Amino acid sequence: MEFIDLKTQYKKLQNEIQENINKVLLDGNYILGEEVKKLEKELAEYVGVKYCATCSNGTDALSIALMSIEANEGDAIFVPTFTFYSTAEVVSLCGATPIFVDSYEDSFNMDAEKLEKAIKKVIDEKKYTPKAIIAVDLFGQPANYDKIKAIATKYNLFLIEDGAQGFGGSIREKKACSFGDISTTSFFPAKPLGCYGDGGAIFTDDEELYKLILSIRVHGKGSFKYDNVRLGLNSRLDTIQAAILLPKLQAFKEYELDDRNKFAKLYESKLQKYVKTPYVPEEYISSWAQYTILLNNLEERDYVQGKMKEKGIPTMVYYPKPLHKQTVYKDYNYNLEDLKISEKISERVLSLPMHPYLTEETVNYICNNLIDIIKEYRHE
């Protein structure tokens, strides 16, 4: 059993993918070829923004976003503590300071009330200058942008949407990767829309920011390749990866997103009496990058995961340690009392197999075994 079944997906799309790859090989335009331009156009149209620029990976996408708003030493960037390290890493790399914010237990996304509390504290202490918020669409579900965008506007902060896991999700039919002043995503193979290597994209409606992004991703170029007007990165999407993503994007739009949601509903119907299943608010759609349940405590989680492995059912823990607990941030001592929910959920989360090529039989098998193991542990 596969946790994310990329092999079955490839078999279904093999002819289109191979045809596209062969075209690139025959054309010989391996960097920023026509397929890249076509992909950027289709991605912008799907997300519903004016501009899309692809890049080498999702981490670079965040770095470029921060470089385009000139985030620097002395700036405070507010990020969720319950997420993957890259969201904070890029902040530290540009010299700014990540200010960690707790998450809601039900959605795993950034807690808007604690976000505003952290912003007020930074303003009052006058040690850092609030610059931007990076909100993460964790596990496929968009963050609470109704509240977060209002907070960003209130305090005149840039809003960056980290949609690495959220691509395809939506709020009232407005797509993920369209909520930020700048939004980013990742095409890492395990993401909802993944390539066969690394890749990323940056989205915006702001023409000036878009021009900066195009410059930064190619060594800060000006009017031509050898006119360098600012510091930048070497972060271009390979044409072959764009050629792979084009048919995968069509499959994602046509049936994969629907199938992810179908299997998520089946999981919920089977498991909601035994574990805390993911909460998706009304008018929200998740792209289900992961299907993550909450068990009662660390001991139960570890027992269940071990027994599931014995049954041949893969599971994963995203994430076992919040960012403020990472060794690299061992000296972090800011608003620690407001980060307790993330510490608790990191001990209880468990992600089950989730991809559009599951079957009802497989989901039932996973759920039946999980329920039996939980009953065994709880002596029910």
Protein backbone atom coordinates (compact mmCIF):
# COMPACT_ATOMS: atom_id res chain seq x y z
CA MET A 1 0.00 0.00 0.00
CA GLU A 2 1.27 3.45 -0.93
CA PHE A 3 0.94 6.48 1.36
CA ILE A 4 0.81 8.65 -1.80
CA ASP A 5 0.45 6.59 -4.98
CA LEU A 6 2.43 8.36 -7.70
CA LYS A 7 2.99 5.15 -9.64
CA THR A 8 -0.68 4.61 -10.45
CA GLN A 9 -1.03 8.25 -11.42
CA TYR A 10 1.91 7.94 -13.82
CA LYS A 11 0.45 4.84 -15.46
CA LYS A 12 -2.80 6.72 -16.10
CA LEU A 13 -1.04 9.79 -17.55
CA GLN A 14 1.98 8.03 -19.04
CA ASN A 15 1.29 8.65 -22.73
CA GLU A 16 0.68 12.40 -22.34
CA ILE A 17 3.66 12.84 -20.04
CA GLN A 18 6.04 10.94 -22.30
CA GLU A 19 4.82 12.80 -25.37
CA ASN A 20 5.46 16.13 -23.63
CA ILE A 21 8.91 15.08 -22.43
CA ASN A 22 9.88 13.88 -25.90
CA LYS A 23 8.84 17.22 -27.38
CA VAL A 24 11.08 19.08 -24.95
CA LEU A 25 13.99 16.77 -25.72
CA LEU A 26 13.56 17.29 -29.45
CA ASP A 27 13.14 21.07 -29.09
CA GLY A 28 16.17 21.40 -26.83
CA ASN A 29 14.72 24.32 -24.83
CA TYR A 30 15.38 22.92 -21.37
CA ILE A 31 15.18 26.15 -19.32
CA LEU A 32 12.13 28.48 -19.42
CA GLY A 33 10.84 26.89 -22.62
CA GLU A 34 7.37 27.26 -24.11
CA GLU A 35 5.93 24.65 -21.75
CA VAL A 36 6.92 26.83 -18.78
CA LYS A 37 5.10 29.83 -20.24
CA LYS A 38 2.04 27.71 -20.99
CA LEU A 39 2.03 26.26 -17.48
CA GLU A 40 2.32 29.69 -15.88
CA LYS A 41 -0.64 30.92 -17.90
CA GLU A 42 -2.78 27.90 -16.98
CA LEU A 43 -1.82 28.11 -13.30
CA ALA A 44 -2.73 31.81 -13.13
CA GLU A 45 -6.09 31.14 -14.79
CA TYR A 46 -6.89 28.23 -12.47
CA VAL A 47 -5.96 30.13 -9.31
CA GLY A 48 -7.65 33.31 -10.53
CA VAL A 49 -4.79 35.80 -10.41
CA LYS A 50 -3.14 38.00 -13.03
CA TYR A 51 0.42 36.73 -12.76
CA CYS A 52 2.26 33.48 -12.10
CA ALA A 53 6.03 32.92 -12.15
CA THR A 54 7.39 29.42 -11.72
CA CYS A 55 10.65 28.71 -9.91
CA SER A 56 12.89 25.87 -8.74
CA ASN A 57 11.03 24.82 -5.58
CA GLY A 58 8.55 25.95 -2.94
CA THR A 59 11.23 27.17 -0.55
CA ASP A 60 12.70 29.43 -3.23
CA ALA A 61 9.19 30.69 -3.94
CA LEU A 62 8.95 31.90 -0.33
CA SER A 63 12.47 33.34 -0.43
CA ILE A 64 11.69 35.27 -3.61
CA ALA A 65 8.47 36.56 -2.06
CA LEU A 66 10.38 37.89 0.96
CA MET A 67 13.11 39.38 -1.24
CA SER A 68 10.49 41.16 -3.36
CA ILE A 69 9.06 42.93 -0.29
CA GLU A 70 12.60 43.68 0.97
CA ALA A 71 12.27 41.76 4.24
CA ASN A 72 15.46 42.37 6.18
CA GLU A 73 17.22 42.46 9.52
CA GLY A 74 15.05 44.08 12.16
CA ASP A 75 11.80 42.96 10.52
CA ALA A 76 9.34 40.64 12.24
CA ILE A 77 7.62 38.04 10.07
CA PHE A 78 4.72 36.20 11.70
CA VAL A 79 4.56 32.48 10.88
CA PRO A 80 2.70 29.46 12.27
CA THR A 81 4.79 27.25 14.51
CA PHE A 82 2.95 24.09 13.45
CA THR A 83 4.21 23.62 9.91
CA PHE A 84 7.26 22.54 7.90
CA TYR A 85 10.58 24.24 8.69
CA SER A 86 10.99 26.03 5.34
CA THR A 87 8.30 28.59 6.24
CA ALA A 88 10.49 29.93 9.06
CA GLU A 89 13.83 29.05 7.48
CA VAL A 90 13.39 31.55 4.64
CA VAL A 91 12.65 34.29 7.19
CA SER A 92 15.88 33.62 9.07
CA LEU A 93 17.87 33.37 5.84
CA CYS A 94 16.85 36.87 4.77
CA GLY A 95 17.93 38.26 8.14
CA ALA A 96 14.45 38.88 9.51
CA THR A 97 13.05 37.34 12.70
CA PRO A 98 10.27 34.73 12.66
CA ILE A 99 7.62 35.32 15.33
CA PHE A 100 5.83 32.04 15.89
CA VAL A 101 2.05 31.87 16.20
CA ASP A 102 -0.07 29.03 17.56
CA SER A 103 -2.65 27.06 15.56
CA TYR A 104 -6.29 26.14 15.95
CA GLU A 105 -6.70 22.56 17.11
CA ASP A 106 -9.60 21.84 14.76
CA SER A 107 -8.09 23.06 11.46
CA PHE A 108 -4.33 23.00 12.35
CA ASN A 109 -4.02 26.45 10.72
CA MET A 110 -2.78 29.74 12.19
CA ASP A 111 -4.84 31.11 15.08
CA ALA A 112 -5.91 34.60 13.97
CA GLU A 113 -6.58 35.85 17.51
CA LYS A 114 -3.12 34.81 18.70
CA LEU A 115 -1.64 36.32 15.54
CA GLU A 116 -3.04 39.73 16.42
CA LYS A 117 -1.88 39.35 20.01
CA ALA A 118 1.68 38.62 18.79
CA ILE A 119 1.62 41.63 16.44
CA LYS A 120 0.52 43.94 19.25
CA LYS A 121 3.29 42.62 21.49
CA VAL A 122 5.97 43.27 18.85
CA ILE A 123 4.65 46.80 18.31
CA ASP A 124 4.63 47.49 22.05
CA GLU A 125 8.15 46.15 22.62
CA LYS A 126 9.62 48.10 19.67
CA LYS A 127 12.46 45.61 19.22
CA TYR A 128 11.36 44.57 15.72
CA THR A 129 9.30 46.19 12.99
CA PRO A 130 6.28 44.11 11.91
CA LYS A 131 6.66 43.51 8.17
CA ALA A 132 4.63 40.54 6.97
CA ILE A 133 2.50 37.53 7.81
CA ILE A 134 3.14 34.14 6.21
CA ALA A 135 -0.06 32.11 6.52
CA VAL A 136 0.18 28.41 5.66
CA ASP A 137 -2.63 26.39 4.07
CA LEU A 138 -1.86 23.29 6.11
CA PHE A 139 -2.80 19.79 4.97
CA GLY A 140 -4.74 21.21 2.01
CA GLN A 141 -7.08 23.65 3.75
CA PRO A 142 -6.79 27.42 3.28
CA ALA A 143 -6.07 29.38 6.44
CA ASN A 144 -8.70 31.69 7.96
CA TYR A 145 -8.16 34.51 5.46
CA ASP A 146 -11.33 36.36 6.40
CA LYS A 147 -9.65 37.22 9.70
CA ILE A 148 -5.97 37.11 8.68
CA LYS A 149 -6.39 39.50 5.73
CA ALA A 150 -8.28 41.93 7.94
CA ILE A 151 -5.43 41.83 10.47
CA ALA A 152 -2.82 42.34 7.74
CA THR A 153 -4.74 45.38 6.49
CA LYS A 154 -5.25 46.76 10.00
CA TYR A 155 -1.50 46.72 10.77
CA ASN A 156 -0.32 47.50 7.21
CA LEU A 157 1.50 44.18 6.80
CA PHE A 158 2.24 42.23 3.65
CA LEU A 159 0.34 38.95 3.49
CA ILE A 160 2.20 36.00 1.99
CA GLU A 161 0.21 32.81 1.46
CA ASP A 162 2.26 29.62 1.71
CA GLY A 163 0.06 27.37 -0.41
CA ALA A 164 2.57 24.53 -0.76
CA GLN A 165 -0.03 22.11 0.61
CA GLY A 166 -3.10 24.13 -0.23
CA PHE A 167 -3.15 24.21 -4.04
CA GLY A 168 -6.69 23.34 -5.14
CA GLY A 169 -8.34 24.33 -1.88
CA SER A 170 -10.78 27.21 -1.80
CA ILE A 171 -12.99 29.49 0.30
CA ARG A 172 -16.34 30.36 -1.27
CA GLU A 173 -14.91 29.26 -4.65
CA LYS A 174 -11.92 31.61 -4.35
CA LYS A 175 -8.87 29.43 -4.88
CA ALA A 176 -5.88 28.92 -2.63
CA CYS A 177 -2.80 30.80 -3.86
CA SER A 178 -4.96 33.87 -4.51
CA PHE A 179 -5.33 35.18 -0.94
CA GLY A 180 -1.95 36.81 -0.38
CA ASP A 181 -0.36 39.94 -1.75
CA ILE A 182 2.02 37.23 -2.89
CA SER A 183 1.17 33.53 -2.75
CA THR A 184 3.42 30.55 -3.30
CA THR A 185 3.17 26.84 -3.88
CA SER A 186 5.39 23.79 -4.26
CA PHE A 187 5.44 21.06 -6.90
CA PHE A 188 7.37 18.61 -4.71
CA PRO A 189 6.18 15.16 -5.86
CA ALA A 190 4.04 14.51 -2.77
CA LYS A 191 2.09 17.79 -3.01
CA PRO A 192 -1.49 17.89 -4.37
CA LEU A 193 0.01 18.96 -7.72
CA GLY A 194 3.52 17.55 -7.93
CA CYS A 195 6.19 17.19 -10.59
CA TYR A 196 8.96 14.58 -10.87
CA GLY A 197 11.58 16.52 -8.97
CA ASP A 198 11.48 19.97 -7.44
CA GLY A 199 9.43 22.94 -8.60
CA GLY A 200 7.45 25.88 -7.30
CA ALA A 201 5.39 28.89 -8.31
CA ILE A 202 4.62 32.41 -7.14
CA PHE A 203 1.29 34.20 -7.68
CA THR A 204 0.28 37.86 -7.45
CA ASP A 205 -2.07 40.47 -8.87
CA ASP A 206 0.52 43.21 -8.37
CA GLU A 207 2.36 44.01 -11.60
CA GLU A 208 5.31 45.70 -9.88
CA LEU A 209 5.82 42.76 -7.54
CA TYR A 210 5.56 40.39 -10.51
CA LYS A 211 8.32 42.26 -12.34
CA LEU A 212 10.51 42.06 -9.24
CA ILE A 213 9.82 38.33 -8.92
CA LEU A 214 10.82 37.71 -12.56
CA SER A 215 14.05 39.60 -11.96
CA ILE A 216 14.91 37.91 -8.66
CA ARG A 217 14.40 34.36 -9.95
CA VAL A 218 17.13 34.93 -12.60
CA HIS A 219 20.01 36.45 -10.64
CA GLY A 220 18.34 39.84 -10.24
CA LYS A 221 18.51 40.54 -13.96
CA GLY A 222 17.56 43.87 -15.48
CA SER A 223 16.95 44.49 -19.16
CA PHE A 224 18.85 41.35 -20.23
CA LYS A 225 20.75 38.35 -18.84
CA TYR A 226 24.02 40.16 -18.11
CA ASP A 227 22.46 43.31 -16.65
CA ASN A 228 22.16 42.51 -12.93
CA VAL A 229 20.34 45.25 -11.04
CA ARG A 230 19.69 43.54 -7.68
CA LEU A 231 20.58 40.45 -5.70
CA GLY A 232 18.64 37.43 -6.86
CA LEU A 233 18.61 33.65 -7.09
CA ASN A 234 19.11 31.04 -9.75
CA SER A 235 15.60 29.60 -9.48
CA ARG A 236 14.04 28.62 -12.79
CA LEU A 237 11.67 25.73 -13.42
CA ASP A 238 13.06 23.14 -15.84
CA THR A 239 11.02 22.87 -19.02
CA ILE A 240 10.73 19.09 -18.58
CA GLN A 241 9.06 19.59 -15.19
CA ALA A 242 6.57 22.01 -16.77
CA ALA A 243 5.89 19.43 -19.49
CA ILE A 244 5.11 16.88 -16.76
CA LEU A 245 2.92 19.28 -14.80
CA LEU A 246 0.70 20.26 -17.72
CA PRO A 247 -1.17 16.92 -18.02
CA LYS A 248 -1.09 16.49 -14.24
CA LEU A 249 -2.80 19.87 -13.84
CA GLN A 250 -5.56 18.78 -16.22
CA ALA A 251 -6.11 15.55 -14.28
CA PHE A 252 -6.11 17.51 -11.02
CA LYS A 253 -8.82 19.84 -12.31
CA GLU A 254 -10.91 17.16 -14.00
CA TYR A 255 -11.11 14.46 -11.30
CA GLU A 256 -8.24 14.26 -8.81
CA LEU A 257 -9.44 17.03 -6.49
CA ASP A 258 -12.96 15.57 -6.47
CA ASP A 259 -11.63 12.10 -5.71
CA ARG A 260 -9.48 13.38 -2.84
CA ASN A 261 -12.60 14.91 -1.31
CA LYS A 262 -14.61 11.74 -1.91
CA PHE A 263 -12.12 9.64 0.03
CA ALA A 264 -11.83 12.25 2.78
CA LYS A 265 -15.62 12.02 3.30
CA LEU A 266 -15.39 8.24 3.46
CA TYR A 267 -12.64 8.46 6.08
CA GLU A 268 -14.77 10.85 8.11
CA SER A 269 -17.87 8.71 7.98
CA LYS A 270 -15.93 5.68 9.20
CA LEU A 271 -13.69 7.28 11.81
CA GLN A 272 -15.50 10.22 13.41
CA LYS A 273 -16.76 8.15 16.35
CA TYR A 274 -13.26 7.01 17.28
CA VAL A 275 -10.85 9.88 16.57
CA LYS A 276 -10.97 13.63 15.99
CA THR A 277 -11.27 13.93 12.21
CA PRO A 278 -10.22 17.04 10.27
CA TYR A 279 -12.59 19.99 10.46
CA VAL A 280 -13.38 21.82 7.23
CA PRO A 281 -15.58 24.92 7.71
CA GLU A 282 -18.66 25.46 5.61
CA GLU A 283 -17.82 27.08 2.25
CA TYR A 284 -14.23 25.77 2.46
CA ILE A 285 -12.82 23.03 0.23
CA SER A 286 -9.61 21.22 1.14
CA SER A 287 -7.28 19.67 -1.42
CA TRP A 288 -6.29 17.09 1.22
CA ALA A 289 -2.53 17.18 0.92
CA GLN A 290 -2.77 14.96 4.00
CA TYR A 291 -5.65 13.36 5.87
CA THR A 292 -4.67 13.98 9.49
CA ILE A 293 -6.51 12.67 12.53
CA LEU A 294 -5.98 13.47 16.21
CA LEU A 295 -5.57 10.67 18.74
CA ASN A 296 -5.87 11.12 22.49
CA ASN A 297 -2.20 11.38 23.41
CA LEU A 298 1.37 10.56 22.36
CA GLU A 299 1.31 7.02 23.79
CA GLU A 300 -1.88 6.14 21.90
CA ARG A 301 -0.50 7.69 18.70
CA ASP A 302 2.74 5.72 18.91
CA TYR A 303 0.90 2.47 19.66
CA VAL A 304 -1.52 2.95 16.76
CA GLN A 305 1.24 3.86 14.31
CA GLY A 306 3.28 0.80 15.28
CA LYS A 307 0.32 -1.55 14.91
CA MET A 308 -0.71 -0.01 11.57
CA LYS A 309 2.81 -0.64 10.28
CA GLU A 310 2.49 -4.30 11.27
CA LYS A 311 -0.67 -4.43 9.13
CA GLY A 312 1.20 -2.97 6.14
CA ILE A 313 -0.61 0.39 6.37
CA PRO A 314 1.73 3.39 6.04
CA THR A 315 1.15 6.43 8.24
CA MET A 316 3.10 9.63 8.82
CA VAL A 317 3.45 12.23 11.56
CA TYR A 318 3.28 15.84 10.33
CA TYR A 319 4.77 17.40 12.47
CA PRO A 320 6.34 15.82 15.58
CA LYS A 321 8.00 19.04 16.77
CA PRO A 322 6.70 22.62 16.37
CA LEU A 323 9.13 25.13 14.91
CA HIS A 324 9.75 26.97 18.18
CA LYS A 325 11.01 23.65 19.57
CA GLN A 326 13.50 23.05 16.76
CA THR A 327 17.18 22.98 17.73
CA VAL A 328 17.98 25.84 15.38
CA TYR A 329 15.60 28.05 17.40
CA LYS A 330 16.73 26.78 20.83
CA ASP A 331 17.17 30.37 22.08
CA TYR A 332 13.67 31.42 21.01
CA ASN A 333 11.76 32.68 24.04
CA TYR A 334 9.00 34.86 22.58
CA ASN A 335 5.31 34.29 23.46
CA LEU A 336 6.00 30.68 24.46
CA GLU A 337 2.88 30.45 26.62
CA ASP A 338 0.76 31.18 23.54
CA LEU A 339 2.15 28.18 21.62
CA LYS A 340 0.78 25.36 23.76
CA ILE A 341 -1.91 24.09 21.37
CA SER A 342 0.72 23.34 18.72
CA GLU A 343 2.81 21.48 21.28
CA LYS A 344 -0.18 19.32 22.20
CA ILE A 345 -1.35 18.53 18.67
CA SER A 346 2.19 17.63 17.57
CA GLU A 347 1.97 14.68 19.99
CA ARG A 348 -1.42 13.52 18.73
CA VAL A 349 -1.48 13.94 14.93
CA LEU A 350 -1.36 10.97 12.58
CA SER A 351 -1.76 11.17 8.80
CA LEU A 352 -3.36 8.33 6.84
CA PRO A 353 -2.86 7.42 3.17
CA MET A 354 -4.42 10.10 0.96
CA HIS A 355 -4.31 10.41 -2.81
CA PRO A 356 -6.84 10.36 -5.67
CA TYR A 357 -6.06 6.77 -6.64
CA LEU A 358 -7.31 5.14 -3.47
CA THR A 359 -10.29 2.81 -3.65
CA GLU A 360 -13.24 2.46 -1.30
CA GLU A 361 -12.01 -1.05 -0.50
CA THR A 362 -8.61 0.30 0.54
CA VAL A 363 -10.07 3.09 2.68
CA ASN A 364 -12.40 0.62 4.38
CA TYR A 365 -9.46 -1.69 5.06
CA ILE A 366 -7.46 1.18 6.58
CA CYS A 367 -10.38 2.34 8.71
CA ASN A 368 -11.40 -1.11 9.93
CA ASN A 369 -7.85 -1.90 11.04
CA LEU A 370 -7.45 1.51 12.66
CA ILE A 371 -10.70 1.12 14.61
CA ASP A 372 -9.72 -2.36 15.82
CA ILE A 373 -6.31 -1.11 16.96
CA ILE A 374 -7.84 1.85 18.81
CA LYS A 375 -10.37 -0.40 20.54
CA GLU A 376 -7.57 -2.76 21.51
CA TYR A 377 -5.53 0.08 23.02
CA ARG A 378 -8.52 1.53 24.85
CA HIS A 379 -9.71 -1.92 26.01
CA GLU A 380 -13.13 -1.35 24.46
